[in-house]
Amino acid sequence: MACVANDPAFCQFGAMPKPFPHAYTCNHVVSDDGHVTFECSQDTEIWPWLALSPIHPILVQTINFWGSVEAGEALGTFDPEKWSALTFAEWSCGPASVGRPVRGIYETLQRGEETRFQLRFYDADDQQTVRISGKGVVFRTRNFEGWRRDTKDEFKKPDTSGFEYAAAETLSVATDRERFLAPLVSGSTVTAQGLITKENGLRPAHPYIGGSGDHVNSTHMGEVGRQFAEMLFGRRLHNRSGEMSFMHYVELGRPFEVKLVSQDADELSHSLLVTQRDRDCARIEMAFAPA
């Protein structure tokens, strides 16, 4: 099944226009209390990341994007003319045996003065594949394109031709183009250098990850957390849960550093800090299970 953006079942709720030819979710039903239920596409040609494990970080962060944006369109709260940014996300996965998501529920949660969105996805057996919640910011007045252009002009692109990535098998990726990190370096703390470019971080070069092409996104960061963990614990892992906070954009084509803040070898969990040009950009905490 492919959910097509101009399908009447999608448009009947007044969804705003968008520049995407396909939609991952469709048949949205908006309830009186603001919940949105929907079905999920099963088309692996349009969405090749569906071939991954349903709890893989790439798939989890990708359906977080599509599910929240398309539910926002169904509610009439998403403005495609404004740039927005995810500032926080946390998730909890079902067991490794869960199937591919076939349906989901979107809702808004109020915790004191904080508003978050929450998504729950279910497989064909009605088993929850993942629960995700998060929050973000909308650039309503800022000239986003001009601001980002000035930022990139200040950050001259370095020569990265000599960057040496870790071996693909160490990171549990199928191709060299899917590698984001160099081998771990142990000193006063454990670190890894990272480099994500349009040539290794975005489709069609990368088999699964897309994006605006303006900056490194949350899907990249979820995969950075997984790749770091596979090197740190020296084994293949399943994504179990995690959370990420985003303070500054990580720029494409510029090296960044991932530093180990803490780890629990028994729980197969870690806490990481991602920095670029001596600026704290993201915090990643993830927990895993043996694959």
C-alpha atoms as a PDB file:
ATOM      1  CA  MET A   1       0.000   0.000   0.000  1.00  0.00           C
ATOM      2  CA  ALA A   2       1.253   3.469  -0.872  1.00  0.00           C
ATOM      3  CA  CYS A   3      -0.297   6.473   0.840  1.00  0.00           C
ATOM      4  CA  VAL A   4      -0.440   9.118  -1.885  1.00  0.00           C
ATOM      5  CA  ALA A   5      -0.523  12.767  -0.870  1.00  0.00           C
ATOM      6  CA  ASN A   6      -3.460  13.681  -3.120  1.00  0.00           C
ATOM      7  CA  ASP A   7      -5.561  10.686  -2.113  1.00  0.00           C
ATOM      8  CA  PRO A   8      -9.083  11.900  -1.116  1.00  0.00           C
ATOM      9  CA  ALA A   9      -8.857   9.891   2.094  1.00  0.00           C
ATOM     10  CA  PHE A  10      -5.843  11.985   3.001  1.00  0.00           C
ATOM     11  CA  CYS A  11      -7.162  15.359   1.867  1.00  0.00           C
ATOM     12  CA  GLN A  12     -10.647  15.204   3.355  1.00  0.00           C
ATOM     13  CA  PHE A  13      -9.367  16.562   6.657  1.00  0.00           C
ATOM     14  CA  GLY A  14      -8.066  19.769   5.087  1.00  0.00           C
ATOM     15  CA  ALA A  15      -4.396  18.797   5.088  1.00  0.00           C
ATOM     16  CA  MET A  16      -2.209  21.619   3.875  1.00  0.00           C
ATOM     17  CA  PRO A  17      -0.248  21.250   0.624  1.00  0.00           C
ATOM     18  CA  LYS A  18       3.298  19.933   0.837  1.00  0.00           C
ATOM     19  CA  PRO A  19       6.179  19.296  -1.579  1.00  0.00           C
ATOM     20  CA  PHE A  20       6.235  15.512  -1.059  1.00  0.00           C
ATOM     21  CA  PRO A  21       4.822  13.262  -3.810  1.00  0.00           C
ATOM     22  CA  HIS A  22       3.989  10.473  -1.346  1.00  0.00           C
ATOM     23  CA  ALA A  23       2.723  10.190   2.202  1.00  0.00           C
ATOM     24  CA  TYR A  24       3.782   7.491   4.646  1.00  0.00           C
ATOM     25  CA  THR A  25       0.494   7.703   6.554  1.00  0.00           C
ATOM     26  CA  CYS A  26      -3.048   7.895   5.182  1.00  0.00           C
ATOM     27  CA  ASN A  27      -6.742   7.430   6.025  1.00  0.00           C
ATOM     28  CA  HIS A  28      -6.472   9.864   8.921  1.00  0.00           C
ATOM     29  CA  VAL A  29      -9.403  10.101  11.314  1.00  0.00           C
ATOM     30  CA  VAL A  30      -9.445  13.059  13.707  1.00  0.00           C
ATOM     31  CA  SER A  31     -11.418  12.442  16.906  1.00  0.00           C
ATOM     32  CA  ASP A  32     -13.245  15.054  18.949  1.00  0.00           C
ATOM     33  CA  ASP A  33     -10.485  15.027  21.572  1.00  0.00           C
ATOM     34  CA  GLY A  34      -7.771  15.691  18.989  1.00  0.00           C
ATOM     35  CA  HIS A  35      -6.395  12.166  18.595  1.00  0.00           C
ATOM     36  CA  VAL A  36      -5.495  11.199  15.035  1.00  0.00           C
ATOM     37  CA  THR A  37      -5.561   7.583  13.888  1.00  0.00           C
ATOM     38  CA  PHE A  38      -3.971   6.562  10.611  1.00  0.00           C
ATOM     39  CA  GLU A  39      -2.701   3.696   8.499  1.00  0.00           C
ATOM     40  CA  CYS A  40       0.925   3.235   7.442  1.00  0.00           C
ATOM     41  CA  SER A  41       2.263   2.535   3.973  1.00  0.00           C
ATOM     42  CA  GLN A  42       3.825  -0.874   3.338  1.00  0.00           C
ATOM     43  CA  ASP A  43       5.483   0.127   0.051  1.00  0.00           C
ATOM     44  CA  THR A  44       9.189  -0.718   0.317  1.00  0.00           C
ATOM     45  CA  GLU A  45       9.960   0.799  -3.083  1.00  0.00           C
ATOM     46  CA  ILE A  46       8.825   4.239  -1.954  1.00  0.00           C
ATOM     47  CA  TRP A  47      10.058   3.729   1.614  1.00  0.00           C
ATOM     48  CA  PRO A  48      13.163   1.463   1.429  1.00  0.00           C
ATOM     49  CA  TRP A  49      13.831   1.875   5.169  1.00  0.00           C
ATOM     50  CA  LEU A  50      10.823  -0.401   5.762  1.00  0.00           C
ATOM     51  CA  ALA A  51      13.227  -3.247   4.994  1.00  0.00           C
ATOM     52  CA  LEU A  52      15.025  -2.500   8.281  1.00  0.00           C
ATOM     53  CA  SER A  53      14.004  -3.934  11.632  1.00  0.00           C
ATOM     54  CA  PRO A  54      10.835  -2.160  12.845  1.00  0.00           C
ATOM     55  CA  ILE A  55      12.810  -0.961  15.893  1.00  0.00           C
ATOM     56  CA  HIS A  56      15.950   0.160  14.056  1.00  0.00           C
ATOM     57  CA  PRO A  57      16.826   3.779  15.003  1.00  0.00           C
ATOM     58  CA  ILE A  58      16.657   4.876  11.358  1.00  0.00           C
ATOM     59  CA  LEU A  59      13.118   3.542  10.995  1.00  0.00           C
ATOM     60  CA  VAL A  60      11.993   4.869  14.396  1.00  0.00           C
ATOM     61  CA  GLN A  61      13.210   8.412  13.740  1.00  0.00           C
ATOM     62  CA  THR A  62      11.906   8.395  10.173  1.00  0.00           C
ATOM     63  CA  ILE A  63       8.361   7.391  11.110  1.00  0.00           C
ATOM     64  CA  ASN A  64       8.514   9.956  13.904  1.00  0.00           C
ATOM     65  CA  PHE A  65       8.987  12.645  11.248  1.00  0.00           C
ATOM     66  CA  TRP A  66       6.334  11.427   8.829  1.00  0.00           C
ATOM     67  CA  GLY A  67       3.803  10.513  11.501  1.00  0.00           C
ATOM     68  CA  SER A  68       3.992  13.849  13.315  1.00  0.00           C
ATOM     69  CA  VAL A  69       4.053  16.024  10.180  1.00  0.00           C
ATOM     70  CA  GLU A  70       1.189  14.212   8.469  1.00  0.00           C
ATOM     71  CA  ALA A  71      -0.935  14.103  11.631  1.00  0.00           C
ATOM     72  CA  GLY A  72      -0.306  17.835  11.972  1.00  0.00           C
ATOM     73  CA  GLU A  73      -1.564  18.294   8.434  1.00  0.00           C
ATOM     74  CA  ALA A  74      -4.692  16.293   9.214  1.00  0.00           C
ATOM     75  CA  LEU A  75      -5.287  18.506  12.257  1.00  0.00           C
ATOM     76  CA  GLY A  76      -4.557  21.677  10.295  1.00  0.00           C
ATOM     77  CA  THR A  77      -1.769  22.670  12.690  1.00  0.00           C
ATOM     78  CA  PHE A  78       1.221  22.102  10.385  1.00  0.00           C
ATOM     79  CA  ASP A  79       2.331  25.067   8.262  1.00  0.00           C
ATOM     80  CA  PRO A  80       4.401  23.879   5.265  1.00  0.00           C
ATOM     81  CA  GLU A  81       5.574  27.448   4.651  1.00  0.00           C
ATOM     82  CA  LYS A  82       7.472  27.554   7.958  1.00  0.00           C
ATOM     83  CA  TRP A  83      10.659  25.742   8.853  1.00  0.00           C
ATOM     84  CA  SER A  84      10.538  23.775  12.081  1.00  0.00           C
ATOM     85  CA  ALA A  85      13.060  21.878  14.169  1.00  0.00           C
ATOM     86  CA  LEU A  86      12.813  18.947  16.563  1.00  0.00           C
ATOM     87  CA  THR A  87      14.372  19.882  19.912  1.00  0.00           C
ATOM     88  CA  PHE A  88      13.660  16.725  21.922  1.00  0.00           C
ATOM     89  CA  ALA A  89      12.563  13.151  21.262  1.00  0.00           C
ATOM     90  CA  GLU A  90      12.280  10.037  23.413  1.00  0.00           C
ATOM     91  CA  TRP A  91      11.139   6.563  22.469  1.00  0.00           C
ATOM     92  CA  SER A  92      10.501   3.066  23.774  1.00  0.00           C
ATOM     93  CA  CYS A  93      10.472   0.059  21.451  1.00  0.00           C
ATOM     94  CA  GLY A  94       8.631  -3.218  21.485  1.00  0.00           C
ATOM     95  CA  PRO A  95      10.519  -6.533  21.349  1.00  0.00           C
ATOM     96  CA  ALA A  96      12.724  -7.410  18.395  1.00  0.00           C
ATOM     97  CA  SER A  97      10.013  -9.797  17.181  1.00  0.00           C
ATOM     98  CA  VAL A  98       7.486  -7.039  16.409  1.00  0.00           C
ATOM     99  CA  GLY A  99       6.280  -6.621  12.863  1.00  0.00           C
ATOM    100  CA  ARG A 100       6.308  -3.618  10.590  1.00  0.00           C
ATOM    101  CA  PRO A 101       3.992  -0.740  11.673  1.00  0.00           C
ATOM    102  CA  VAL A 102       0.611  -0.857   9.938  1.00  0.00           C
ATOM    103  CA  ARG A 103      -1.269   1.775  11.933  1.00  0.00           C
ATOM    104  CA  GLY A 104      -0.697   4.491  14.477  1.00  0.00           C
ATOM    105  CA  ILE A 105      -2.184   7.034  16.867  1.00  0.00           C
ATOM    106  CA  TYR A 106      -1.083  10.644  17.295  1.00  0.00           C
ATOM    107  CA  GLU A 107      -1.982  12.771  20.304  1.00  0.00           C
ATOM    108  CA  THR A 108      -0.857  15.903  22.111  1.00  0.00           C
ATOM    109  CA  LEU A 109       0.269  15.630  25.738  1.00  0.00           C
ATOM    110  CA  GLN A 110       0.248  18.485  28.237  1.00  0.00           C
ATOM    111  CA  ARG A 111       2.735  18.199  31.120  1.00  0.00           C
ATOM    112  CA  GLY A 112       2.418  21.357  33.163  1.00  0.00           C
ATOM    113  CA  GLU A 113       3.341  24.170  30.795  1.00  0.00           C
ATOM    114  CA  GLU A 114       5.092  21.783  28.389  1.00  0.00           C
ATOM    115  CA  THR A 115       3.303  20.476  25.308  1.00  0.00           C
ATOM    116  CA  ARG A 116       4.538  17.356  23.551  1.00  0.00           C
ATOM    117  CA  PHE A 117       3.325  15.196  20.717  1.00  0.00           C
ATOM    118  CA  GLN A 118       3.114  11.430  21.133  1.00  0.00           C
ATOM    119  CA  LEU A 119       2.970   8.719  18.496  1.00  0.00           C
ATOM    120  CA  ARG A 120       2.204   5.043  19.010  1.00  0.00           C
ATOM    121  CA  PHE A 121       2.679   2.568  16.179  1.00  0.00           C
ATOM    122  CA  TYR A 122       1.281  -0.983  15.995  1.00  0.00           C
ATOM    123  CA  ASP A 123       1.977  -4.023  13.844  1.00  0.00           C
ATOM    124  CA  ALA A 124      -0.566  -6.297  12.132  1.00  0.00           C
ATOM    125  CA  ASP A 125      -0.981  -8.294  15.368  1.00  0.00           C
ATOM    126  CA  ASP A 126      -1.796  -5.097  17.306  1.00  0.00           C
ATOM    127  CA  GLN A 127       1.511  -5.258  19.149  1.00  0.00           C
ATOM    128  CA  GLN A 128       3.046  -1.858  19.834  1.00  0.00           C
ATOM    129  CA  THR A 129       6.207  -1.459  17.782  1.00  0.00           C
ATOM    130  CA  VAL A 130       7.290   1.861  19.261  1.00  0.00           C
ATOM    131  CA  ARG A 131       6.039   4.791  21.300  1.00  0.00           C
ATOM    132  CA  ILE A 132       7.624   8.167  20.545  1.00  0.00           C
ATOM    133  CA  SER A 133       7.120  11.580  22.084  1.00  0.00           C
ATOM    134  CA  GLY A 134       8.832  14.878  21.459  1.00  0.00           C
ATOM    135  CA  LYS A 135       8.668  18.608  21.031  1.00  0.00           C
ATOM    136  CA  GLY A 136      10.018  21.183  18.638  1.00  0.00           C
ATOM    137  CA  VAL A 137      10.110  24.800  17.583  1.00  0.00           C
ATOM    138  CA  VAL A 138       8.684  26.608  14.550  1.00  0.00           C
ATOM    139  CA  PHE A 139      10.650  29.469  12.983  1.00  0.00           C
ATOM    140  CA  ARG A 140       7.663  31.771  12.544  1.00  0.00           C
ATOM    141  CA  THR A 141       9.449  35.107  12.074  1.00  0.00           C
ATOM    142  CA  ARG A 142      13.096  34.321  11.411  1.00  0.00           C
ATOM    143  CA  ASN A 143      14.420  34.392   7.846  1.00  0.00           C
ATOM    144  CA  PHE A 144      15.461  30.766   8.127  1.00  0.00           C
ATOM    145  CA  GLU A 145      17.146  30.470   4.736  1.00  0.00           C
ATOM    146  CA  GLY A 146      19.146  33.672   5.238  1.00  0.00           C
ATOM    147  CA  TRP A 147      20.150  32.721   8.767  1.00  0.00           C
ATOM    148  CA  ARG A 148      21.308  29.269   7.694  1.00  0.00           C
ATOM    149  CA  ARG A 149      23.200  30.684   4.710  1.00  0.00           C
ATOM    150  CA  ASP A 150      25.091  33.087   6.968  1.00  0.00           C
ATOM    151  CA  THR A 151      25.874  30.284   9.421  1.00  0.00           C
ATOM    152  CA  LYS A 152      27.300  28.062   6.697  1.00  0.00           C
ATOM    153  CA  ASP A 153      29.343  30.934   5.252  1.00  0.00           C
ATOM    154  CA  GLU A 154      30.981  31.369   8.663  1.00  0.00           C
ATOM    155  CA  PHE A 155      31.846  27.663   8.760  1.00  0.00           C
ATOM    156  CA  LYS A 156      34.094  27.055   5.777  1.00  0.00           C
ATOM    157  CA  LYS A 157      34.000  23.487   4.527  1.00  0.00           C
ATOM    158  CA  PRO A 158      37.258  21.709   5.398  1.00  0.00           C
ATOM    159  CA  ASP A 159      39.136  19.146   3.352  1.00  0.00           C
ATOM    160  CA  THR A 160      37.763  15.816   4.572  1.00  0.00           C
ATOM    161  CA  SER A 161      39.272  13.590   1.883  1.00  0.00           C
ATOM    162  CA  GLY A 162      41.492  11.884   4.461  1.00  0.00           C
ATOM    163  CA  PHE A 163      38.704  11.044   6.923  1.00  0.00           C
ATOM    164  CA  GLU A 164      38.930   7.366   7.895  1.00  0.00           C
ATOM    165  CA  TYR A 165      35.674   5.693   8.865  1.00  0.00           C
ATOM    166  CA  ALA A 166      35.403   2.565  10.994  1.00  0.00           C
ATOM    167  CA  ALA A 167      34.973  -0.706   9.125  1.00  0.00           C
ATOM    168  CA  ALA A 168      31.446  -1.389   7.906  1.00  0.00           C
ATOM    169  CA  GLU A 169      31.231  -4.696   9.770  1.00  0.00           C
ATOM    170  CA  THR A 170      32.222  -2.980  13.036  1.00  0.00           C
ATOM    171  CA  LEU A 171      29.265  -0.620  12.635  1.00  0.00           C
ATOM    172  CA  SER A 172      26.882  -3.369  11.418  1.00  0.00           C
ATOM    173  CA  VAL A 173      26.116  -1.614   8.149  1.00  0.00           C
ATOM    174  CA  ALA A 174      25.949  -3.283   4.757  1.00  0.00           C
ATOM    175  CA  THR A 175      27.823  -0.686   2.698  1.00  0.00           C
ATOM    176  CA  ASP A 176      30.663   1.776   3.217  1.00  0.00           C
ATOM    177  CA  ARG A 177      28.322   4.657   2.368  1.00  0.00           C
ATOM    178  CA  GLU A 178      26.339   4.011   5.549  1.00  0.00           C
ATOM    179  CA  ARG A 179      29.307   4.701   7.852  1.00  0.00           C
ATOM    180  CA  PHE A 180      29.137   7.882   9.932  1.00  0.00           C
ATOM    181  CA  LEU A 181      31.889   7.375  12.527  1.00  0.00           C
ATOM    182  CA  ALA A 182      35.626   6.779  12.751  1.00  0.00           C
ATOM    183  CA  PRO A 183      36.960   4.128  15.169  1.00  0.00           C
ATOM    184  CA  LEU A 184      36.703   4.861  18.887  1.00  0.00           C
ATOM    185  CA  VAL A 185      39.637   6.589  20.567  1.00  0.00           C
ATOM    186  CA  SER A 186      40.245   5.946  24.271  1.00  0.00           C
ATOM    187  CA  GLY A 187      41.906   8.714  26.286  1.00  0.00           C
ATOM    188  CA  SER A 188      40.614  10.563  29.303  1.00  0.00           C
ATOM    189  CA  THR A 189      37.263   9.615  27.821  1.00  0.00           C
ATOM    190  CA  VAL A 190      36.082   7.589  24.826  1.00  0.00           C
ATOM    191  CA  THR A 191      35.427   9.605  21.674  1.00  0.00           C
ATOM    192  CA  ALA A 192      34.780   9.099  17.987  1.00  0.00           C
ATOM    193  CA  GLN A 193      35.045  11.555  15.139  1.00  0.00           C
ATOM    194  CA  GLY A 194      32.067  11.679  12.809  1.00  0.00           C
ATOM    195  CA  LEU A 195      31.428  12.973   9.316  1.00  0.00           C
ATOM    196  CA  ILE A 196      28.061  13.000   7.546  1.00  0.00           C
ATOM    197  CA  THR A 197      27.915  14.402   4.033  1.00  0.00           C
ATOM    198  CA  LYS A 198      25.393  14.477   1.226  1.00  0.00           C
ATOM    199  CA  GLU A 199      27.466  11.690  -0.326  1.00  0.00           C
ATOM    200  CA  ASN A 200      27.054   9.276   2.591  1.00  0.00           C
ATOM    201  CA  GLY A 201      24.143  10.645   4.603  1.00  0.00           C
ATOM    202  CA  LEU A 202      21.287  11.266   2.187  1.00  0.00           C
ATOM    203  CA  ARG A 203      19.472   9.330  -0.501  1.00  0.00           C
ATOM    204  CA  PRO A 204      20.242   8.233  -3.125  1.00  0.00           C
ATOM    205  CA  ALA A 205      23.775   7.766  -1.771  1.00  0.00           C
ATOM    206  CA  HIS A 206      22.510   6.435   1.550  1.00  0.00           C
ATOM    207  CA  PRO A 207      20.003   3.603   1.022  1.00  0.00           C
ATOM    208  CA  TYR A 208      17.591   4.695   3.755  1.00  0.00           C
ATOM    209  CA  ILE A 209      18.009   8.251   5.080  1.00  0.00           C
ATOM    210  CA  GLY A 210      16.525  11.346   3.472  1.00  0.00           C
ATOM    211  CA  GLY A 211      16.186  14.926   4.607  1.00  0.00           C
ATOM    212  CA  SER A 212      16.204  18.567   3.602  1.00  0.00           C
ATOM    213  CA  GLY A 213      19.918  18.524   2.816  1.00  0.00           C
ATOM    214  CA  ASP A 214      20.377  21.608   4.994  1.00  0.00           C
ATOM    215  CA  HIS A 215      21.843  19.891   8.062  1.00  0.00           C
ATOM    216  CA  VAL A 216      22.314  16.606   9.909  1.00  0.00           C
ATOM    217  CA  ASN A 217      18.919  15.465  11.226  1.00  0.00           C
ATOM    218  CA  SER A 218      17.529  13.374  14.083  1.00  0.00           C
ATOM    219  CA  THR A 219      17.591  10.183  12.018  1.00  0.00           C
ATOM    220  CA  HIS A 220      21.324  10.637  11.489  1.00  0.00           C
ATOM    221  CA  MET A 221      21.802  11.215  15.219  1.00  0.00           C
ATOM    222  CA  GLY A 222      19.859   8.092  16.153  1.00  0.00           C
ATOM    223  CA  GLU A 223      22.097   6.105  13.829  1.00  0.00           C
ATOM    224  CA  VAL A 224      25.194   7.797  15.290  1.00  0.00           C
ATOM    225  CA  GLY A 225      24.078   6.581  18.717  1.00  0.00           C
ATOM    226  CA  ARG A 226      23.670   3.028  17.434  1.00  0.00           C
ATOM    227  CA  GLN A 227      26.998   2.956  15.570  1.00  0.00           C
ATOM    228  CA  PHE A 228      28.861   4.294  18.618  1.00  0.00           C
ATOM    229  CA  ALA A 229      27.234   1.628  20.811  1.00  0.00           C
ATOM    230  CA  GLU A 230      28.165  -1.210  18.456  1.00  0.00           C
ATOM    231  CA  MET A 231      31.827  -0.164  18.700  1.00  0.00           C
ATOM    232  CA  LEU A 232      31.652   0.525  22.450  1.00  0.00           C
ATOM    233  CA  PHE A 233      30.076  -2.808  23.404  1.00  0.00           C
ATOM    234  CA  GLY A 234      31.648  -4.812  20.579  1.00  0.00           C
ATOM    235  CA  ARG A 235      28.496  -6.615  19.478  1.00  0.00           C
ATOM    236  CA  ARG A 236      25.377  -6.317  17.344  1.00  0.00           C
ATOM    237  CA  LEU A 237      22.544  -4.615  19.174  1.00  0.00           C
ATOM    238  CA  HIS A 238      18.803  -3.980  19.029  1.00  0.00           C
ATOM    239  CA  ASN A 239      17.442  -0.516  19.757  1.00  0.00           C
ATOM    240  CA  ARG A 240      15.443  -0.640  23.019  1.00  0.00           C
ATOM    241  CA  SER A 241      14.818   2.962  24.071  1.00  0.00           C
ATOM    242  CA  GLY A 242      16.390   6.379  24.085  1.00  0.00           C
ATOM    243  CA  GLU A 243      16.120  10.114  24.112  1.00  0.00           C
ATOM    244  CA  MET A 244      17.837  12.919  22.246  1.00  0.00           C
ATOM    245  CA  SER A 245      18.048  16.651  22.889  1.00  0.00           C
ATOM    246  CA  PHE A 246      19.099  19.039  20.132  1.00  0.00           C
ATOM    247  CA  MET A 247      20.734  22.384  20.953  1.00  0.00           C
ATOM    248  CA  HIS A 248      22.409  23.366  17.676  1.00  0.00           C
ATOM    249  CA  TYR A 249      22.422  22.034  14.135  1.00  0.00           C
ATOM    250  CA  VAL A 250      25.243  19.673  13.192  1.00  0.00           C
ATOM    251  CA  GLU A 251      26.444  20.822   9.779  1.00  0.00           C
ATOM    252  CA  LEU A 252      26.713  18.438   6.847  1.00  0.00           C
ATOM    253  CA  GLY A 253      30.183  17.981   5.407  1.00  0.00           C
ATOM    254  CA  ARG A 254      31.940  19.144   8.575  1.00  0.00           C
ATOM    255  CA  PRO A 255      33.520  16.762  11.109  1.00  0.00           C
ATOM    256  CA  PHE A 256      31.968  16.478  14.565  1.00  0.00           C
ATOM    257  CA  GLU A 257      32.954  14.689  17.763  1.00  0.00           C
ATOM    258  CA  VAL A 258      30.967  12.176  19.793  1.00  0.00           C
ATOM    259  CA  LYS A 259      32.067  11.889  23.420  1.00  0.00           C
ATOM    260  CA  LEU A 260      31.048   9.164  25.857  1.00  0.00           C
ATOM    261  CA  VAL A 261      29.565  10.763  28.978  1.00  0.00           C
ATOM    262  CA  SER A 262      28.558   7.543  30.747  1.00  0.00           C
ATOM    263  CA  GLN A 263      27.866   3.889  30.060  1.00  0.00           C
ATOM    264  CA  ASP A 264      26.387   0.815  31.699  1.00  0.00           C
ATOM    265  CA  ALA A 265      27.826  -2.349  30.195  1.00  0.00           C
ATOM    266  CA  ASP A 266      25.300  -4.573  31.986  1.00  0.00           C
ATOM    267  CA  GLU A 267      22.338  -2.568  30.675  1.00  0.00           C
ATOM    268  CA  LEU A 268      24.005  -1.947  27.293  1.00  0.00           C
ATOM    269  CA  SER A 269      23.256   1.754  27.600  1.00  0.00           C
ATOM    270  CA  HIS A 270      25.214   4.934  27.021  1.00  0.00           C
ATOM    271  CA  SER A 271      24.995   8.708  27.212  1.00  0.00           C
ATOM    272  CA  LEU A 272      26.762  10.738  24.514  1.00  0.00           C
ATOM    273  CA  LEU A 273      27.515  14.382  23.786  1.00  0.00           C
ATOM    274  CA  VAL A 274      27.863  15.509  20.164  1.00  0.00           C
ATOM    275  CA  THR A 275      29.959  18.629  19.586  1.00  0.00           C
ATOM    276  CA  GLN A 276      31.055  20.564  16.522  1.00  0.00           C
ATOM    277  CA  ARG A 277      33.462  23.516  16.552  1.00  0.00           C
ATOM    278  CA  ASP A 278      33.547  23.335  20.368  1.00  0.00           C
ATOM    279  CA  ARG A 279      29.782  23.804  20.533  1.00  0.00           C
ATOM    280  CA  ASP A 280      27.447  21.334  22.252  1.00  0.00           C
ATOM    281  CA  CYS A 281      24.990  20.254  19.547  1.00  0.00           C
ATOM    282  CA  ALA A 282      23.139  17.163  20.765  1.00  0.00           C
ATOM    283  CA  ARG A 283      22.819  14.776  23.681  1.00  0.00           C
ATOM    284  CA  ILE A 284      22.010  11.147  22.963  1.00  0.00           C
ATOM    285  CA  GLU A 285      21.009   8.509  25.505  1.00  0.00           C
ATOM    286  CA  MET A 286      20.179   5.035  24.260  1.00  0.00           C
ATOM    287  CA  ALA A 287      19.640   1.567  25.678  1.00  0.00           C
ATOM    288  CA  PHE A 288      20.014  -1.655  23.714  1.00  0.00           C
ATOM    289  CA  ALA A 289      19.461  -5.392  23.849  1.00  0.00           C
ATOM    290  CA  PRO A 290      21.729  -8.075  22.371  1.00  0.00           C
ATOM    291  CA  ALA A 291      20.845  -8.865  18.764  1.00  0.00           C
END
